């Protein structure tokens, strides 16, 4: 039987992949942030968000 925690962890792991594969949504230059084009700072922001989501998923799966 699949638990709710496993399903939630799976969803948390899928979110960054969906965002990363939606390239046309962030393949642009404007708006820039501190001189960095949108493409670069958006991907860097999602690296941090992905780390948080993966950590939460790991904690959910480790508490079985």
PDB file of N, CA and C in Angstrom:
ATOM      1  N   UNK A   1       0.842  -1.178   0.000  1.00  0.00           N
ATOM      2  CA  UNK A   1       0.000   0.000   0.000  1.00  0.00           C
ATOM      3  C   UNK A   1       0.893   1.248   0.000  1.00  0.00           C
ATOM      4  N   UNK A   2       0.552   2.167  -0.836  1.00  0.00           N
ATOM      5  CA  UNK A   2       1.315   3.407  -0.937  1.00  0.00           C
ATOM      6  C   UNK A   2       0.775   4.398   0.087  1.00  0.00           C
ATOM      7  N   UNK A   3       1.687   4.974   0.856  1.00  0.00           N
ATOM      8  CA  UNK A   3       1.260   5.921   1.890  1.00  0.00           C
ATOM      9  C   UNK A   3       1.145   7.333   1.320  1.00  0.00           C
ATOM     10  N   UNK A   4       0.458   8.162   2.061  1.00  0.00           N
ATOM     11  CA  UNK A   4       0.292   9.561   1.675  1.00  0.00           C
ATOM     12  C   UNK A   4       1.643  10.266   1.657  1.00  0.00           C
ATOM     13  N   UNK A   5       2.535   9.903   2.579  1.00  0.00           N
ATOM     14  CA  UNK A   5       3.863  10.519   2.627  1.00  0.00           C
ATOM     15  C   UNK A   5       4.653  10.196   1.363  1.00  0.00           C
ATOM     16  N   UNK A   6       4.528   8.973   0.856  1.00  0.00           N
ATOM     17  CA  UNK A   6       5.231   8.596  -0.368  1.00  0.00           C
ATOM     18  C   UNK A   6       4.705   9.370  -1.569  1.00  0.00           C
ATOM     19  N   UNK A   7       3.412   9.538  -1.639  1.00  0.00           N
ATOM     20  CA  UNK A   7       2.814  10.297  -2.739  1.00  0.00           C
ATOM     21  C   UNK A   7       3.239  11.754  -2.672  1.00  0.00           C
ATOM     22  N   UNK A   8       3.215  12.326  -1.473  1.00  0.00           N
ATOM     23  CA  UNK A   8       3.641  13.717  -1.304  1.00  0.00           C
ATOM     24  C   UNK A   8       5.115  13.892  -1.661  1.00  0.00           C
ATOM     25  N   UNK A   9       5.952  12.958  -1.255  1.00  0.00           N
ATOM     26  CA  UNK A   9       7.373  13.021  -1.599  1.00  0.00           C
ATOM     27  C   UNK A   9       7.561  12.930  -3.112  1.00  0.00           C
ATOM     28  N   UNK A  10       6.789  12.083  -3.765  1.00  0.00           N
ATOM     29  CA  UNK A  10       6.872  11.974  -5.224  1.00  0.00           C
ATOM     30  C   UNK A  10       6.481  13.259  -5.916  1.00  0.00           C
ATOM     31  N   UNK A  11       5.445  13.904  -5.423  1.00  0.00           N
ATOM     32  CA  UNK A  11       5.024  15.182  -5.998  1.00  0.00           C
ATOM     33  C   UNK A  11       6.100  16.241  -5.799  1.00  0.00           C
ATOM     34  N   UNK A  12       6.684  16.283  -4.598  1.00  0.00           N
ATOM     35  CA  UNK A  12       7.750  17.251  -4.329  1.00  0.00           C
ATOM     36  C   UNK A  12       8.960  17.021  -5.230  1.00  0.00           C
ATOM     37  N   UNK A  13       9.231  15.771  -5.572  1.00  0.00           N
ATOM     38  CA  UNK A  13      10.354  15.464  -6.453  1.00  0.00           C
ATOM     39  C   UNK A  13      10.041  15.775  -7.911  1.00  0.00           C
ATOM     40  N   UNK A  14       8.777  15.726  -8.298  1.00  0.00           N
ATOM     41  CA  UNK A  14       8.398  15.999  -9.681  1.00  0.00           C
ATOM     42  C   UNK A  14       8.351  17.486 -10.016  1.00  0.00           C
ATOM     43  N   UNK A  15       8.057  18.315  -9.045  1.00  0.00           N
ATOM     44  CA  UNK A  15       7.898  19.760  -9.301  1.00  0.00           C
ATOM     45  C   UNK A  15       9.121  20.370  -9.994  1.00  0.00           C
ATOM     46  N   UNK A  16      10.351  20.182  -9.489  1.00  0.00           N
ATOM     47  CA  UNK A  16      11.497  20.796 -10.175  1.00  0.00           C
ATOM     48  C   UNK A  16      11.699  20.283 -11.603  1.00  0.00           C
ATOM     49  N   UNK A  17      11.429  19.002 -11.848  1.00  0.00           N
ATOM     50  CA  UNK A  17      11.589  18.473 -13.198  1.00  0.00           C
ATOM     51  C   UNK A  17      10.601  19.101 -14.167  1.00  0.00           C
ATOM     52  N   UNK A  18       9.379  19.306 -13.731  1.00  0.00           N
ATOM     53  CA  UNK A  18       8.381  19.952 -14.576  1.00  0.00           C
ATOM     54  C   UNK A  18       8.816  21.376 -14.897  1.00  0.00           C
ATOM     55  N   UNK A  19       9.304  22.083 -13.889  1.00  0.00           N
ATOM     56  CA  UNK A  19       9.747  23.471 -14.097  1.00  0.00           C
ATOM     57  C   UNK A  19      10.957  23.524 -15.026  1.00  0.00           C
ATOM     58  N   UNK A  20      11.939  22.634 -14.819  1.00  0.00           N
ATOM     59  CA  UNK A  20      13.139  22.643 -15.652  1.00  0.00           C
ATOM     60  C   UNK A  20      12.845  22.291 -17.107  1.00  0.00           C
ATOM     61  N   UNK A  21      11.874  21.421 -17.351  1.00  0.00           N
ATOM     62  CA  UNK A  21      11.564  21.021 -18.722  1.00  0.00           C
ATOM     63  C   UNK A  21      10.632  21.986 -19.429  1.00  0.00           C
ATOM     64  N   UNK A  22      10.115  22.980 -18.752  1.00  0.00           N
ATOM     65  CA  UNK A  22       9.270  24.004 -19.361  1.00  0.00           C
ATOM     66  C   UNK A  22      10.147  25.156 -19.854  1.00  0.00           C
ATOM     67  N   UNK A  23      11.111  24.842 -20.685  1.00  0.00           N
ATOM     68  CA  UNK A  23      12.122  25.809 -21.134  1.00  0.00           C
ATOM     69  C   UNK A  23      11.528  27.065 -21.765  1.00  0.00           C
ATOM     70  N   UNK A  24      10.512  26.973 -22.615  1.00  0.00           N
ATOM     71  CA  UNK A  24       9.993  28.219 -23.209  1.00  0.00           C
ATOM     72  C   UNK A  24       9.481  29.237 -22.192  1.00  0.00           C
ATOM     73  N   UNK A  25       9.147  28.810 -20.990  1.00  0.00           N
ATOM     74  CA  UNK A  25       8.642  29.760 -19.996  1.00  0.00           C
ATOM     75  C   UNK A  25       9.741  30.630 -19.401  1.00  0.00           C
ATOM     76  N   UNK A  26      10.984  30.177 -19.457  1.00  0.00           N
ATOM     77  CA  UNK A  26      12.060  30.982 -18.872  1.00  0.00           C
ATOM     78  C   UNK A  26      13.212  31.246 -19.841  1.00  0.00           C
ATOM     79  N   UNK A  27      13.036  30.956 -21.105  1.00  0.00           N
ATOM     80  CA  UNK A  27      14.072  31.203 -22.102  1.00  0.00           C
ATOM     81  C   UNK A  27      13.936  32.634 -22.628  1.00  0.00           C
ATOM     82  N   UNK A  28      14.276  33.589 -21.773  1.00  0.00           N
ATOM     83  CA  UNK A  28      14.204  34.995 -22.143  1.00  0.00           C
ATOM     84  C   UNK A  28      15.237  35.788 -21.354  1.00  0.00           C
ATOM     85  N   UNK A  29      15.452  37.012 -21.752  1.00  0.00           N
ATOM     86  CA  UNK A  29      16.477  37.847 -21.137  1.00  0.00           C
ATOM     87  C   UNK A  29      15.888  38.770 -20.073  1.00  0.00           C
ATOM     88  N   UNK A  30      14.748  39.342 -20.355  1.00  0.00           N
ATOM     89  CA  UNK A  30      14.108  40.297 -19.440  1.00  0.00           C
ATOM     90  C   UNK A  30      13.126  39.583 -18.537  1.00  0.00           C
ATOM     91  N   UNK A  31      12.915  39.969 -17.319  1.00  0.00           N
ATOM     92  CA  UNK A  31      13.562  41.054 -16.588  1.00  0.00           C
ATOM     93  C   UNK A  31      14.892  40.599 -16.000  1.00  0.00           C
ATOM     94  N   UNK A  32      15.829  41.512 -15.973  1.00  0.00           N
ATOM     95  CA  UNK A  32      17.121  41.168 -15.379  1.00  0.00           C
ATOM     96  C   UNK A  32      17.106  41.521 -13.896  1.00  0.00           C
ATOM     97  N   UNK A  33      17.988  40.899 -13.158  1.00  0.00           N
ATOM     98  CA  UNK A  33      18.068  41.111 -11.714  1.00  0.00           C
ATOM     99  C   UNK A  33      19.534  41.324 -11.370  1.00  0.00           C
ATOM    100  N   UNK A  34      19.883  42.536 -11.041  1.00  0.00           N
ATOM    101  CA  UNK A  34      21.266  42.856 -10.717  1.00  0.00           C
ATOM    102  C   UNK A  34      22.210  42.665 -11.903  1.00  0.00           C
ATOM    103  N   UNK A  35      21.689  42.874 -13.098  1.00  0.00           N
ATOM    104  CA  UNK A  35      22.504  42.710 -14.292  1.00  0.00           C
ATOM    105  C   UNK A  35      22.498  41.301 -14.862  1.00  0.00           C
ATOM    106  N   UNK A  36      21.909  40.342 -14.149  1.00  0.00           N
ATOM    107  CA  UNK A  36      21.816  38.965 -14.644  1.00  0.00           C
ATOM    108  C   UNK A  36      20.533  38.790 -15.447  1.00  0.00           C
ATOM    109  N   UNK A  37      20.630  38.208 -16.636  1.00  0.00           N
ATOM    110  CA  UNK A  37      19.417  37.947 -17.415  1.00  0.00           C
ATOM    111  C   UNK A  37      18.494  36.973 -16.671  1.00  0.00           C
ATOM    112  N   UNK A  38      17.210  37.064 -16.987  1.00  0.00           N
ATOM    113  CA  UNK A  38      16.194  36.244 -16.342  1.00  0.00           C
ATOM    114  C   UNK A  38      16.551  34.770 -16.385  1.00  0.00           C
ATOM    115  N   UNK A  39      17.035  34.264 -17.507  1.00  0.00           N
ATOM    116  CA  UNK A  39      17.364  32.853 -17.677  1.00  0.00           C
ATOM    117  C   UNK A  39      18.290  32.354 -16.573  1.00  0.00           C
ATOM    118  N   UNK A  40      19.305  33.133 -16.237  1.00  0.00           N
ATOM    119  CA  UNK A  40      20.295  32.694 -15.252  1.00  0.00           C
ATOM    120  C   UNK A  40      19.787  32.787 -13.813  1.00  0.00           C
ATOM    121  N   UNK A  41      19.182  33.927 -13.463  1.00  0.00           N
ATOM    122  CA  UNK A  41      18.758  34.037 -12.061  1.00  0.00           C
ATOM    123  C   UNK A  41      17.559  33.151 -11.773  1.00  0.00           C
ATOM    124  N   UNK A  42      16.714  32.859 -12.761  1.00  0.00           N
ATOM    125  CA  UNK A  42      15.574  31.967 -12.562  1.00  0.00           C
ATOM    126  C   UNK A  42      16.055  30.539 -12.301  1.00  0.00           C
ATOM    127  N   UNK A  43      17.037  30.086 -13.078  1.00  0.00           N
ATOM    128  CA  UNK A  43      17.567  28.740 -12.853  1.00  0.00           C
ATOM    129  C   UNK A  43      18.297  28.638 -11.519  1.00  0.00           C
ATOM    130  N   UNK A  44      19.014  29.677 -11.152  1.00  0.00           N
ATOM    131  CA  UNK A  44      19.706  29.670  -9.857  1.00  0.00           C
ATOM    132  C   UNK A  44      18.701  29.648  -8.710  1.00  0.00           C
ATOM    133  N   UNK A  45      17.630  30.398  -8.833  1.00  0.00           N
ATOM    134  CA  UNK A  45      16.577  30.388  -7.823  1.00  0.00           C
ATOM    135  C   UNK A  45      15.970  28.994  -7.697  1.00  0.00           C
ATOM    136  N   UNK A  46      15.746  28.326  -8.828  1.00  0.00           N
ATOM    137  CA  UNK A  46      15.152  26.985  -8.783  1.00  0.00           C
ATOM    138  C   UNK A  46      16.115  25.937  -8.257  1.00  0.00           C
ATOM    139  N   UNK A  47      17.396  26.172  -8.346  1.00  0.00           N
ATOM    140  CA  UNK A  47      18.350  25.262  -7.695  1.00  0.00           C
ATOM    141  C   UNK A  47      18.147  25.285  -6.179  1.00  0.00           C
ATOM    142  N   UNK A  48      17.970  26.472  -5.626  1.00  0.00           N
ATOM    143  CA  UNK A  48      17.734  26.593  -4.183  1.00  0.00           C
ATOM    144  C   UNK A  48      16.387  25.989  -3.799  1.00  0.00           C
ATOM    145  N   UNK A  49      15.346  26.274  -4.590  1.00  0.00           N
ATOM    146  CA  UNK A  49      14.019  25.724  -4.303  1.00  0.00           C
ATOM    147  C   UNK A  49      14.038  24.199  -4.407  1.00  0.00           C
ATOM    148  N   UNK A  50      14.745  23.669  -5.406  1.00  0.00           N
ATOM    149  CA  UNK A  50      14.845  22.217  -5.573  1.00  0.00           C
ATOM    150  C   UNK A  50      15.532  21.564  -4.387  1.00  0.00           C
ATOM    151  N   UNK A  51      16.550  22.208  -3.873  1.00  0.00           N
ATOM    152  CA  UNK A  51      17.237  21.681  -2.694  1.00  0.00           C
ATOM    153  C   UNK A  51      16.278  21.571  -1.511  1.00  0.00           C
ATOM    154  N   UNK A  52      15.468  22.587  -1.322  1.00  0.00           N
ATOM    155  CA  UNK A  52      14.495  22.570  -0.230  1.00  0.00           C
ATOM    156  C   UNK A  52      13.459  21.467  -0.445  1.00  0.00           C
ATOM    157  N   UNK A  53      12.933  21.364  -1.671  1.00  0.00           N
ATOM    158  CA  UNK A  53      11.925  20.339  -1.954  1.00  0.00           C
ATOM    159  C   UNK A  53      12.494  18.930  -1.807  1.00  0.00           C
ATOM    160  N   UNK A  54      13.707  18.703  -2.293  1.00  0.00           N
ATOM    161  CA  UNK A  54      14.328  17.383  -2.161  1.00  0.00           C
ATOM    162  C   UNK A  54      14.590  17.051  -0.694  1.00  0.00           C
ATOM    163  N   UNK A  55      14.977  18.043   0.092  1.00  0.00           N
ATOM    164  CA  UNK A  55      15.217  17.810   1.517  1.00  0.00           C
ATOM    165  C   UNK A  55      13.930  17.436   2.251  1.00  0.00           C
ATOM    166  N   UNK A  56      12.851  18.124   1.927  1.00  0.00           N
ATOM    167  CA  UNK A  56      11.565  17.794   2.551  1.00  0.00           C
ATOM    168  C   UNK A  56      11.138  16.384   2.151  1.00  0.00           C
ATOM    169  N   UNK A  57      11.311  16.037   0.878  1.00  0.00           N
ATOM    170  CA  UNK A  57      10.950  14.689   0.428  1.00  0.00           C
ATOM    171  C   UNK A  57      11.791  13.623   1.136  1.00  0.00           C
ATOM    172  N   UNK A  58      13.059  13.890   1.314  1.00  0.00           N
ATOM    173  CA  UNK A  58      13.923  12.939   2.001  1.00  0.00           C
ATOM    174  C   UNK A  58      13.497  12.762   3.454  1.00  0.00           C
ATOM    175  N   UNK A  59      13.141  13.867   4.120  1.00  0.00           N
ATOM    176  CA  UNK A  59      12.670  13.771   5.499  1.00  0.00           C
ATOM    177  C   UNK A  59      11.359  12.984   5.596  1.00  0.00           C
ATOM    178  N   UNK A  60      10.478  13.199   4.639  1.00  0.00           N
ATOM    179  CA  UNK A  60       9.210  12.455   4.643  1.00  0.00           C
ATOM    180  C   UNK A  60       9.437  10.958   4.471  1.00  0.00           C
ATOM    181  N   UNK A  61      10.362  10.600   3.604  1.00  0.00           N
ATOM    182  CA  UNK A  61      10.606   9.180   3.353  1.00  0.00           C
ATOM    183  C   UNK A  61      11.436   8.539   4.444  1.00  0.00           C
ATOM    184  N   UNK A  62      12.245   9.316   5.142  1.00  0.00           N
ATOM    185  CA  UNK A  62      13.096   8.763   6.198  1.00  0.00           C
ATOM    186  C   UNK A  62      12.318   8.504   7.481  1.00  0.00           C
ATOM    187  N   UNK A  63      11.173   9.117   7.644  1.00  0.00           N
ATOM    188  CA  UNK A  63      10.402   8.988   8.883  1.00  0.00           C
ATOM    189  C   UNK A  63       9.387   7.847   8.822  1.00  0.00           C
ATOM    190  N   UNK A  64       9.657   6.836   8.063  1.00  0.00           N
ATOM    191  CA  UNK A  64       8.743   5.690   7.965  1.00  0.00           C
ATOM    192  C   UNK A  64       8.789   4.844   9.181  1.00  0.00           C
TER     193      UNK A  64
END
